[in-house]
Amino acid sequence: MVALCFTVDTHARGDIVKSVYKYNPKDYEGILGLSSDLSTFYELYEQYRADRTNDSLFALKNHWENLFFTIKHRELEGFLSPMLASETRDYLEELVNDQL
């Protein structure tokens, strides 16, 4: 169910940026909220990488908290295994922490 890596095209300052991530939002389209939350997280992550303002950092951290609980809820509902949920949270948290 999880892609080893995938490439995402985002627009940062008018340029197309290709980034490689471990978890593909398309793999989670059937799981309520997870696909869209992952996509938004990656977009906000790229925005922060391109424009390191307090506003973009706040948006990234705020959405990370929302995504954390989305993953936790999908785990409790049985849509994600505890191992996959933990690995996903750890990976995304590492992305955020690497930018701080």
PDB file of N, CA and C in Angstrom:
ATOM      1  N   MET A   1       0.815  -1.195   0.000  1.00  0.00           N
ATOM      2  CA  MET A   1       0.000   0.000   0.000  1.00  0.00           C
ATOM      3  C   MET A   1       0.859   1.260   0.000  1.00  0.00           C
ATOM      4  N   VAL A   2       2.071   1.207   0.530  1.00  0.00           N
ATOM      5  CA  VAL A   2       2.911   2.388   0.643  1.00  0.00           C
ATOM      6  C   VAL A   2       3.974   2.358  -0.448  1.00  0.00           C
ATOM      7  N   ALA A   3       4.113   3.458  -1.157  1.00  0.00           N
ATOM      8  CA  ALA A   3       5.158   3.587  -2.153  1.00  0.00           C
ATOM      9  C   ALA A   3       6.482   3.812  -1.442  1.00  0.00           C
ATOM     10  N   LEU A   4       7.566   3.252  -1.989  1.00  0.00           N
ATOM     11  CA  LEU A   4       8.868   3.487  -1.387  1.00  0.00           C
ATOM     12  C   LEU A   4       9.252   4.950  -1.495  1.00  0.00           C
ATOM     13  N   CYS A   5       8.959   5.537  -2.626  1.00  0.00           N
ATOM     14  CA  CYS A   5       9.140   6.973  -2.778  1.00  0.00           C
ATOM     15  C   CYS A   5       8.347   7.417  -3.999  1.00  0.00           C
ATOM     16  N   PHE A   6       8.045   8.663  -4.050  1.00  0.00           N
ATOM     17  CA  PHE A   6       7.356   9.207  -5.196  1.00  0.00           C
ATOM     18  C   PHE A   6       7.780  10.649  -5.355  1.00  0.00           C
ATOM     19  N   THR A   7       7.565  11.192  -6.515  1.00  0.00           N
ATOM     20  CA  THR A   7       7.954  12.564  -6.802  1.00  0.00           C
ATOM     21  C   THR A   7       6.723  13.430  -6.845  1.00  0.00           C
ATOM     22  N   VAL A   8       6.831  14.610  -6.273  1.00  0.00           N
ATOM     23  CA  VAL A   8       5.719  15.548  -6.259  1.00  0.00           C
ATOM     24  C   VAL A   8       6.200  16.842  -6.902  1.00  0.00           C
ATOM     25  N   ASP A   9       5.405  17.405  -7.774  1.00  0.00           N
ATOM     26  CA  ASP A   9       5.717  18.701  -8.377  1.00  0.00           C
ATOM     27  C   ASP A   9       4.969  19.769  -7.599  1.00  0.00           C
ATOM     28  N   THR A  10       5.712  20.739  -7.118  1.00  0.00           N
ATOM     29  CA  THR A  10       5.084  21.857  -6.436  1.00  0.00           C
ATOM     30  C   THR A  10       5.606  23.139  -7.052  1.00  0.00           C
ATOM     31  N   HIS A  11       4.876  24.179  -6.863  1.00  0.00           N
ATOM     32  CA  HIS A  11       5.270  25.478  -7.400  1.00  0.00           C
ATOM     33  C   HIS A  11       5.759  26.349  -6.251  1.00  0.00           C
ATOM     34  N   ALA A  12       7.058  26.577  -6.240  1.00  0.00           N
ATOM     35  CA  ALA A  12       7.649  27.437  -5.220  1.00  0.00           C
ATOM     36  C   ALA A  12       8.238  28.647  -5.918  1.00  0.00           C
ATOM     37  N   ARG A  13       7.699  29.799  -5.619  1.00  0.00           N
ATOM     38  CA  ARG A  13       8.157  31.054  -6.216  1.00  0.00           C
ATOM     39  C   ARG A  13       8.098  31.003  -7.743  1.00  0.00           C
ATOM     40  N   GLY A  14       7.087  30.352  -8.262  1.00  0.00           N
ATOM     41  CA  GLY A  14       6.886  30.307  -9.703  1.00  0.00           C
ATOM     42  C   GLY A  14       7.642  29.200 -10.412  1.00  0.00           C
ATOM     43  N   ASP A  15       8.572  28.536  -9.726  1.00  0.00           N
ATOM     44  CA  ASP A  15       9.333  27.449 -10.330  1.00  0.00           C
ATOM     45  C   ASP A  15       8.712  26.120  -9.932  1.00  0.00           C
ATOM     46  N   ILE A  16       8.857  25.132 -10.803  1.00  0.00           N
ATOM     47  CA  ILE A  16       8.384  23.790 -10.455  1.00  0.00           C
ATOM     48  C   ILE A  16       9.510  23.090  -9.701  1.00  0.00           C
ATOM     49  N   VAL A  17       9.186  22.590  -8.533  1.00  0.00           N
ATOM     50  CA  VAL A  17      10.151  21.903  -7.691  1.00  0.00           C
ATOM     51  C   VAL A  17       9.743  20.436  -7.631  1.00  0.00           C
ATOM     52  N   LYS A  18      10.691  19.541  -7.868  1.00  0.00           N
ATOM     53  CA  LYS A  18      10.411  18.119  -7.752  1.00  0.00           C
ATOM     54  C   LYS A  18      11.006  17.629  -6.443  1.00  0.00           C
ATOM     55  N   SER A  19      10.168  17.042  -5.615  1.00  0.00           N
ATOM     56  CA  SER A  19      10.609  16.523  -4.332  1.00  0.00           C
ATOM     57  C   SER A  19      10.224  15.057  -4.237  1.00  0.00           C
ATOM     58  N   VAL A  20      11.025  14.306  -3.531  1.00  0.00           N
ATOM     59  CA  VAL A  20      10.775  12.878  -3.357  1.00  0.00           C
ATOM     60  C   VAL A  20      10.368  12.632  -1.915  1.00  0.00           C
ATOM     61  N   TYR A  21       9.231  11.971  -1.747  1.00  0.00           N
ATOM     62  CA  TYR A  21       8.706  11.640  -0.429  1.00  0.00           C
ATOM     63  C   TYR A  21       8.424  10.151  -0.350  1.00  0.00           C
ATOM     64  N   LYS A  22       8.407   9.637   0.846  1.00  0.00           N
ATOM     65  CA  LYS A  22       8.205   8.208   1.073  1.00  0.00           C
ATOM     66  C   LYS A  22       6.746   7.779   0.957  1.00  0.00           C
ATOM     67  N   TYR A  23       5.810   8.612   1.427  1.00  0.00           N
ATOM     68  CA  TYR A  23       4.402   8.228   1.466  1.00  0.00           C
ATOM     69  C   TYR A  23       3.606   9.030   0.448  1.00  0.00           C
ATOM     70  N   ASN A  24       2.983   8.328  -0.485  1.00  0.00           N
ATOM     71  CA  ASN A  24       2.245   8.931  -1.577  1.00  0.00           C
ATOM     72  C   ASN A  24       0.777   9.118  -1.187  1.00  0.00           C
ATOM     73  N   PRO A  25       0.274  10.350  -1.225  1.00  0.00           N
ATOM     74  CA  PRO A  25      -1.137  10.576  -0.874  1.00  0.00           C
ATOM     75  C   PRO A  25      -2.116   9.743  -1.708  1.00  0.00           C
ATOM     76  N   LYS A  26      -1.777   9.444  -2.947  1.00  0.00           N
ATOM     77  CA  LYS A  26      -2.673   8.650  -3.803  1.00  0.00           C
ATOM     78  C   LYS A  26      -2.883   7.241  -3.262  1.00  0.00           C
ATOM     79  N   ASP A  27      -1.911   6.743  -2.497  1.00  0.00           N
ATOM     80  CA  ASP A  27      -2.051   5.409  -1.913  1.00  0.00           C
ATOM     81  C   ASP A  27      -3.085   5.362  -0.794  1.00  0.00           C
ATOM     82  N   TYR A  28      -3.526   6.534  -0.337  1.00  0.00           N
ATOM     83  CA  TYR A  28      -4.442   6.608   0.803  1.00  0.00           C
ATOM     84  C   TYR A  28      -5.777   7.255   0.442  1.00  0.00           C
ATOM     85  N   GLU A  29      -6.120   7.269  -0.845  1.00  0.00           N
ATOM     86  CA  GLU A  29      -7.349   7.934  -1.288  1.00  0.00           C
ATOM     87  C   GLU A  29      -8.612   7.337  -0.683  1.00  0.00           C
ATOM     88  N   GLY A  30      -8.597   6.063  -0.361  1.00  0.00           N
ATOM     89  CA  GLY A  30      -9.776   5.427   0.216  1.00  0.00           C
ATOM     90  C   GLY A  30      -9.896   5.591   1.719  1.00  0.00           C
ATOM     91  N   ILE A  31      -8.930   6.278   2.328  1.00  0.00           N
ATOM     92  CA  ILE A  31      -8.926   6.447   3.784  1.00  0.00           C
ATOM     93  C   ILE A  31      -9.299   7.890   4.105  1.00  0.00           C
ATOM     94  N   LEU A  32     -10.415   8.059   4.765  1.00  0.00           N
ATOM     95  CA  LEU A  32     -10.985   9.371   5.062  1.00  0.00           C
ATOM     96  C   LEU A  32      -9.953  10.382   5.546  1.00  0.00           C
ATOM     97  N   GLY A  33      -9.768  11.440   4.785  1.00  0.00           N
ATOM     98  CA  GLY A  33      -8.948  12.563   5.191  1.00  0.00           C
ATOM     99  C   GLY A  33      -7.454  12.408   5.026  1.00  0.00           C
ATOM    100  N   LEU A  34      -6.951  11.193   4.950  1.00  0.00           N
ATOM    101  CA  LEU A  34      -5.503  11.004   4.957  1.00  0.00           C
ATOM    102  C   LEU A  34      -4.843  11.475   3.667  1.00  0.00           C
ATOM    103  N   SER A  35      -5.424  11.164   2.541  1.00  0.00           N
ATOM    104  CA  SER A  35      -4.834  11.572   1.259  1.00  0.00           C
ATOM    105  C   SER A  35      -4.752  13.092   1.141  1.00  0.00           C
ATOM    106  N   SER A  36      -5.841  13.764   1.418  1.00  0.00           N
ATOM    107  CA  SER A  36      -5.845  15.226   1.298  1.00  0.00           C
ATOM    108  C   SER A  36      -4.951  15.871   2.349  1.00  0.00           C
ATOM    109  N   ASP A  37      -4.912  15.315   3.560  1.00  0.00           N
ATOM    110  CA  ASP A  37      -4.045  15.868   4.598  1.00  0.00           C
ATOM    111  C   ASP A  37      -2.570  15.699   4.251  1.00  0.00           C
ATOM    112  N   LEU A  38      -2.200  14.552   3.689  1.00  0.00           N
ATOM    113  CA  LEU A  38      -0.818  14.342   3.252  1.00  0.00           C
ATOM    114  C   LEU A  38      -0.441  15.318   2.138  1.00  0.00           C
ATOM    115  N   SER A  39      -1.336  15.474   1.161  1.00  0.00           N
ATOM    116  CA  SER A  39      -1.074  16.403   0.051  1.00  0.00           C
ATOM    117  C   SER A  39      -0.870  17.825   0.565  1.00  0.00           C
ATOM    118  N   THR A  40      -1.742  18.263   1.457  1.00  0.00           N
ATOM    119  CA  THR A  40      -1.631  19.604   2.019  1.00  0.00           C
ATOM    120  C   THR A  40      -0.340  19.744   2.820  1.00  0.00           C
ATOM    121  N   PHE A  41       0.008  18.724   3.586  1.00  0.00           N
ATOM    122  CA  PHE A  41       1.249  18.760   4.357  1.00  0.00           C
ATOM    123  C   PHE A  41       2.449  18.952   3.439  1.00  0.00           C
ATOM    124  N   TYR A  42       2.518  18.168   2.357  1.00  0.00           N
ATOM    125  CA  TYR A  42       3.651  18.281   1.434  1.00  0.00           C
ATOM    126  C   TYR A  42       3.690  19.664   0.766  1.00  0.00           C
ATOM    127  N   GLU A  43       2.538  20.200   0.439  1.00  0.00           N
ATOM    128  CA  GLU A  43       2.489  21.546  -0.151  1.00  0.00           C
ATOM    129  C   GLU A  43       3.007  22.591   0.839  1.00  0.00           C
ATOM    130  N   LEU A  44       2.554  22.509   2.084  1.00  0.00           N
ATOM    131  CA  LEU A  44       3.005  23.459   3.102  1.00  0.00           C
ATOM    132  C   LEU A  44       4.489  23.280   3.422  1.00  0.00           C
ATOM    133  N   TYR A  45       4.944  22.044   3.388  1.00  0.00           N
ATOM    134  CA  TYR A  45       6.362  21.754   3.608  1.00  0.00           C
ATOM    135  C   TYR A  45       7.210  22.416   2.526  1.00  0.00           C
ATOM    136  N   GLU A  46       6.800  22.290   1.276  1.00  0.00           N
ATOM    137  CA  GLU A  46       7.536  22.911   0.168  1.00  0.00           C
ATOM    138  C   GLU A  46       7.464  24.430   0.248  1.00  0.00           C
ATOM    139  N   GLN A  47       6.325  24.959   0.640  1.00  0.00           N
ATOM    140  CA  GLN A  47       6.210  26.413   0.811  1.00  0.00           C
ATOM    141  C   GLN A  47       7.181  26.907   1.866  1.00  0.00           C
ATOM    142  N   TYR A  48       7.286  26.180   2.974  1.00  0.00           N
ATOM    143  CA  TYR A  48       8.205  26.595   4.021  1.00  0.00           C
ATOM    144  C   TYR A  48       9.657  26.479   3.553  1.00  0.00           C
ATOM    145  N   ARG A  49       9.981  25.434   2.831  1.00  0.00           N
ATOM    146  CA  ARG A  49      11.350  25.293   2.325  1.00  0.00           C
ATOM    147  C   ARG A  49      11.711  26.438   1.399  1.00  0.00           C
ATOM    148  N   ALA A  50      10.746  26.926   0.631  1.00  0.00           N
ATOM    149  CA  ALA A  50      10.996  28.009  -0.316  1.00  0.00           C
ATOM    150  C   ALA A  50      10.972  29.381   0.345  1.00  0.00           C
ATOM    151  N   ASP A  51      10.170  29.530   1.380  1.00  0.00           N
ATOM    152  CA  ASP A  51       9.954  30.834   2.001  1.00  0.00           C
ATOM    153  C   ASP A  51       9.890  30.665   3.515  1.00  0.00           C
ATOM    154  N   ARG A  52      11.000  30.711   4.163  1.00  0.00           N
ATOM    155  CA  ARG A  52      11.105  30.422   5.599  1.00  0.00           C
ATOM    156  C   ARG A  52      10.636  31.591   6.459  1.00  0.00           C
ATOM    157  N   THR A  53       9.353  31.862   6.375  1.00  0.00           N
ATOM    158  CA  THR A  53       8.779  32.913   7.206  1.00  0.00           C
ATOM    159  C   THR A  53       8.079  32.281   8.406  1.00  0.00           C
ATOM    160  N   ASN A  54       7.808  33.106   9.398  1.00  0.00           N
ATOM    161  CA  ASN A  54       7.068  32.615  10.567  1.00  0.00           C
ATOM    162  C   ASN A  54       5.676  32.144  10.175  1.00  0.00           C
ATOM    163  N   ASP A  55       5.056  32.830   9.208  1.00  0.00           N
ATOM    164  CA  ASP A  55       3.714  32.432   8.765  1.00  0.00           C
ATOM    165  C   ASP A  55       3.721  31.041   8.145  1.00  0.00           C
ATOM    166  N   SER A  56       4.704  30.778   7.278  1.00  0.00           N
ATOM    167  CA  SER A  56       4.746  29.461   6.636  1.00  0.00           C
ATOM    168  C   SER A  56       5.124  28.374   7.640  1.00  0.00           C
ATOM    169  N   LEU A  57       5.977  28.710   8.613  1.00  0.00           N
ATOM    170  CA  LEU A  57       6.321  27.747   9.657  1.00  0.00           C
ATOM    171  C   LEU A  57       5.109  27.440  10.527  1.00  0.00           C
ATOM    172  N   PHE A  58       4.346  28.460  10.884  1.00  0.00           N
ATOM    173  CA  PHE A  58       3.146  28.258  11.684  1.00  0.00           C
ATOM    174  C   PHE A  58       2.148  27.368  10.936  1.00  0.00           C
ATOM    175  N   ALA A  59       1.958  27.634   9.648  1.00  0.00           N
ATOM    176  CA  ALA A  59       1.023  26.833   8.850  1.00  0.00           C
ATOM    177  C   ALA A  59       1.479  25.382   8.784  1.00  0.00           C
ATOM    178  N   LEU A  60       2.783  25.166   8.592  1.00  0.00           N
ATOM    179  CA  LEU A  60       3.318  23.805   8.520  1.00  0.00           C
ATOM    180  C   LEU A  60       3.129  23.078   9.852  1.00  0.00           C
ATOM    181  N   LYS A  61       3.504  23.711  10.948  1.00  0.00           N
ATOM    182  CA  LYS A  61       3.365  23.065  12.258  1.00  0.00           C
ATOM    183  C   LYS A  61       1.899  22.804  12.608  1.00  0.00           C
ATOM    184  N   ASN A  62       1.042  23.747  12.292  1.00  0.00           N
ATOM    185  CA  ASN A  62      -0.378  23.582  12.569  1.00  0.00           C
ATOM    186  C   ASN A  62      -0.944  22.400  11.782  1.00  0.00           C
ATOM    187  N   HIS A  63      -0.592  22.326  10.520  1.00  0.00           N
ATOM    188  CA  HIS A  63      -1.112  21.208   9.724  1.00  0.00           C
ATOM    189  C   HIS A  63      -0.479  19.891  10.153  1.00  0.00           C
ATOM    190  N   TRP A  64       0.783  19.904  10.578  1.00  0.00           N
ATOM    191  CA  TRP A  64       1.414  18.682  11.065  1.00  0.00           C
ATOM    192  C   TRP A  64       0.631  18.130  12.259  1.00  0.00           C
ATOM    193  N   GLU A  65       0.199  19.002  13.162  1.00  0.00           N
ATOM    194  CA  GLU A  65      -0.595  18.554  14.310  1.00  0.00           C
ATOM    195  C   GLU A  65      -1.914  17.930  13.845  1.00  0.00           C
ATOM    196  N   ASN A  66      -2.564  18.536  12.870  1.00  0.00           N
ATOM    197  CA  ASN A  66      -3.808  17.965  12.333  1.00  0.00           C
ATOM    198  C   ASN A  66      -3.551  16.612  11.683  1.00  0.00           C
ATOM    199  N   LEU A  67      -2.489  16.514  10.905  1.00  0.00           N
ATOM    200  CA  LEU A  67      -2.153  15.259  10.224  1.00  0.00           C
ATOM    201  C   LEU A  67      -1.798  14.173  11.233  1.00  0.00           C
ATOM    202  N   PHE A  68      -1.084  14.532  12.287  1.00  0.00           N
ATOM    203  CA  PHE A  68      -0.744  13.579  13.343  1.00  0.00           C
ATOM    204  C   PHE A  68      -2.003  12.902  13.872  1.00  0.00           C
ATOM    205  N   PHE A  69      -3.023  13.706  14.165  1.00  0.00           N
ATOM    206  CA  PHE A  69      -4.259  13.140  14.714  1.00  0.00           C
ATOM    207  C   PHE A  69      -5.083  12.406  13.656  1.00  0.00           C
ATOM    208  N   THR A  70      -5.004  12.837  12.407  1.00  0.00           N
ATOM    209  CA  THR A  70      -5.668  12.083  11.340  1.00  0.00           C
ATOM    210  C   THR A  70      -5.074  10.678  11.264  1.00  0.00           C
ATOM    211  N   ILE A  71      -3.749  10.591  11.294  1.00  0.00           N
ATOM    212  CA  ILE A  71      -3.080   9.284  11.245  1.00  0.00           C
ATOM    213  C   ILE A  71      -3.474   8.458  12.471  1.00  0.00           C
ATOM    214  N   LYS A  72      -3.475   9.075  13.631  1.00  0.00           N
ATOM    215  CA  LYS A  72      -3.830   8.363  14.861  1.00  0.00           C
ATOM    216  C   LYS A  72      -5.265   7.838  14.805  1.00  0.00           C
ATOM    217  N   HIS A  73      -6.186   8.652  14.337  1.00  0.00           N
ATOM    218  CA  HIS A  73      -7.582   8.207  14.232  1.00  0.00           C
ATOM    219  C   HIS A  73      -7.739   7.073  13.225  1.00  0.00           C
ATOM    220  N   ARG A  74      -7.065   7.169  12.081  1.00  0.00           N
ATOM    221  CA  ARG A  74      -7.178   6.097  11.088  1.00  0.00           C
ATOM    222  C   ARG A  74      -6.554   4.810  11.626  1.00  0.00           C
ATOM    223  N   GLU A  75      -5.537   4.935  12.472  1.00  0.00           N
ATOM    224  CA  GLU A  75      -4.956   3.758  13.120  1.00  0.00           C
ATOM    225  C   GLU A  75      -5.968   3.133  14.082  1.00  0.00           C
ATOM    226  N   LEU A  76      -6.586   3.946  14.913  1.00  0.00           N
ATOM    227  CA  LEU A  76      -7.560   3.430  15.881  1.00  0.00           C
ATOM    228  C   LEU A  76      -8.779   2.823  15.209  1.00  0.00           C
ATOM    229  N   GLU A  77      -9.121   3.340  14.022  1.00  0.00           N
ATOM    230  CA  GLU A  77     -10.253   2.807  13.267  1.00  0.00           C
ATOM    231  C   GLU A  77      -9.885   1.547  12.483  1.00  0.00           C
ATOM    232  N   GLY A  78      -8.611   1.197  12.460  1.00  0.00           N
ATOM    233  CA  GLY A  78      -8.173  -0.023  11.790  1.00  0.00           C
ATOM    234  C   GLY A  78      -7.801   0.148  10.328  1.00  0.00           C
ATOM    235  N   PHE A  79      -7.767   1.377   9.819  1.00  0.00           N
ATOM    236  CA  PHE A  79      -7.386   1.605   8.426  1.00  0.00           C
ATOM    237  C   PHE A  79      -5.873   1.529   8.230  1.00  0.00           C
ATOM    238  N   LEU A  80      -5.116   1.815   9.280  1.00  0.00           N
ATOM    239  CA  LEU A  80      -3.652   1.739   9.243  1.00  0.00           C
ATOM    240  C   LEU A  80      -3.191   0.817  10.356  1.00  0.00           C
ATOM    241  N   SER A  81      -2.185   0.014  10.077  1.00  0.00           N
ATOM    242  CA  SER A  81      -1.611  -0.820  11.134  1.00  0.00           C
ATOM    243  C   SER A  81      -0.845   0.083  12.102  1.00  0.00           C
ATOM    244  N   PRO A  82      -0.706  -0.346  13.342  1.00  0.00           N
ATOM    245  CA  PRO A  82       0.075   0.451  14.294  1.00  0.00           C
ATOM    246  C   PRO A  82       1.501   0.721  13.794  1.00  0.00           C
ATOM    247  N   MET A  83       2.102  -0.272  13.145  1.00  0.00           N
ATOM    248  CA  MET A  83       3.464  -0.098  12.638  1.00  0.00           C
ATOM    249  C   MET A  83       3.515   0.956  11.532  1.00  0.00           C
ATOM    250  N   LEU A  84       2.595   0.870  10.575  1.00  0.00           N
ATOM    251  CA  LEU A  84       2.569   1.840   9.475  1.00  0.00           C
ATOM    252  C   LEU A  84       2.259   3.243   9.996  1.00  0.00           C
ATOM    253  N   ALA A  85       1.331   3.355  10.913  1.00  0.00           N
ATOM    254  CA  ALA A  85       0.978   4.660  11.481  1.00  0.00           C
ATOM    255  C   ALA A  85       2.180   5.269  12.191  1.00  0.00           C
ATOM    256  N   SER A  86       2.887   4.471  12.968  1.00  0.00           N
ATOM    257  CA  SER A  86       4.058   4.951  13.693  1.00  0.00           C
ATOM    258  C   SER A  86       5.166   5.368  12.734  1.00  0.00           C
ATOM    259  N   GLU A  87       5.431   4.546  11.729  1.00  0.00           N
ATOM    260  CA  GLU A  87       6.475   4.870  10.749  1.00  0.00           C
ATOM    261  C   GLU A  87       6.140   6.147   9.981  1.00  0.00           C
ATOM    262  N   THR A  88       4.867   6.302   9.627  1.00  0.00           N
ATOM    263  CA  THR A  88       4.437   7.493   8.892  1.00  0.00           C
ATOM    264  C   THR A  88       4.594   8.738   9.747  1.00  0.00           C
ATOM    265  N   ARG A  89       4.133   8.682  10.984  1.00  0.00           N
ATOM    266  CA  ARG A  89       4.281   9.823  11.896  1.00  0.00           C
ATOM    267  C   ARG A  89       5.745  10.173  12.106  1.00  0.00           C
ATOM    268  N   ASP A  90       6.583   9.164  12.332  1.00  0.00           N
ATOM    269  CA  ASP A  90       8.010   9.401  12.549  1.00  0.00           C
ATOM    270  C   ASP A  90       8.655  10.062  11.332  1.00  0.00           C
ATOM    271  N   TYR A  91       8.321   9.558  10.154  1.00  0.00           N
ATOM    272  CA  TYR A  91       8.886  10.109   8.914  1.00  0.00           C
ATOM    273  C   TYR A  91       8.486  11.576   8.725  1.00  0.00           C
ATOM    274  N   LEU A  92       7.207  11.866   8.883  1.00  0.00           N
ATOM    275  CA  LEU A  92       6.729  13.236   8.676  1.00  0.00           C
ATOM    276  C   LEU A  92       7.258  14.183   9.742  1.00  0.00           C
ATOM    277  N   GLU A  93       7.345  13.696  10.980  1.00  0.00           N
ATOM    278  CA  GLU A  93       7.900  14.529  12.042  1.00  0.00           C
ATOM    279  C   GLU A  93       9.371  14.834  11.776  1.00  0.00           C
ATOM    280  N   GLU A  94      10.078  13.870  11.244  1.00  0.00           N
ATOM    281  CA  GLU A  94      11.484  14.093  10.894  1.00  0.00           C
ATOM    282  C   GLU A  94      11.622  15.141   9.796  1.00  0.00           C
ATOM    283  N   LEU A  95      10.720  15.121   8.826  1.00  0.00           N
ATOM    284  CA  LEU A  95      10.737  16.155   7.787  1.00  0.00           C
ATOM    285  C   LEU A  95      10.606  17.543   8.407  1.00  0.00           C
ATOM    286  N   VAL A  96       9.661  17.695   9.314  1.00  0.00           N
ATOM    287  CA  VAL A  96       9.448  18.992   9.963  1.00  0.00           C
ATOM    288  C   VAL A  96      10.664  19.380  10.782  1.00  0.00           C
ATOM    289  N   ASN A  97      11.150  18.463  11.607  1.00  0.00           N
ATOM    290  CA  ASN A  97      12.267  18.778  12.494  1.00  0.00           C
ATOM    291  C   ASN A  97      13.546  19.100  11.728  1.00  0.00           C
ATOM    292  N   ASP A  98      13.741  18.486  10.568  1.00  0.00           N
ATOM    293  CA  ASP A  98      14.921  18.778   9.746  1.00  0.00           C
ATOM    294  C   ASP A  98      14.913  20.202   9.217  1.00  0.00           C
ATOM    295  N   GLN A  99      13.746  20.812   9.137  1.00  0.00           N
ATOM    296  CA  GLN A  99      13.633  22.168   8.607  1.00  0.00           C
ATOM    297  C   GLN A  99      13.762  23.243   9.686  1.00  0.00           C
ATOM    298  N   LEU A 100      13.746  22.842  10.945  1.00  0.00           N
ATOM    299  CA  LEU A 100      13.808  23.833  12.030  1.00  0.00           C
ATOM    300  C   LEU A 100      15.228  24.145  12.420  1.00  0.00           C
TER     301      LEU A 100
END
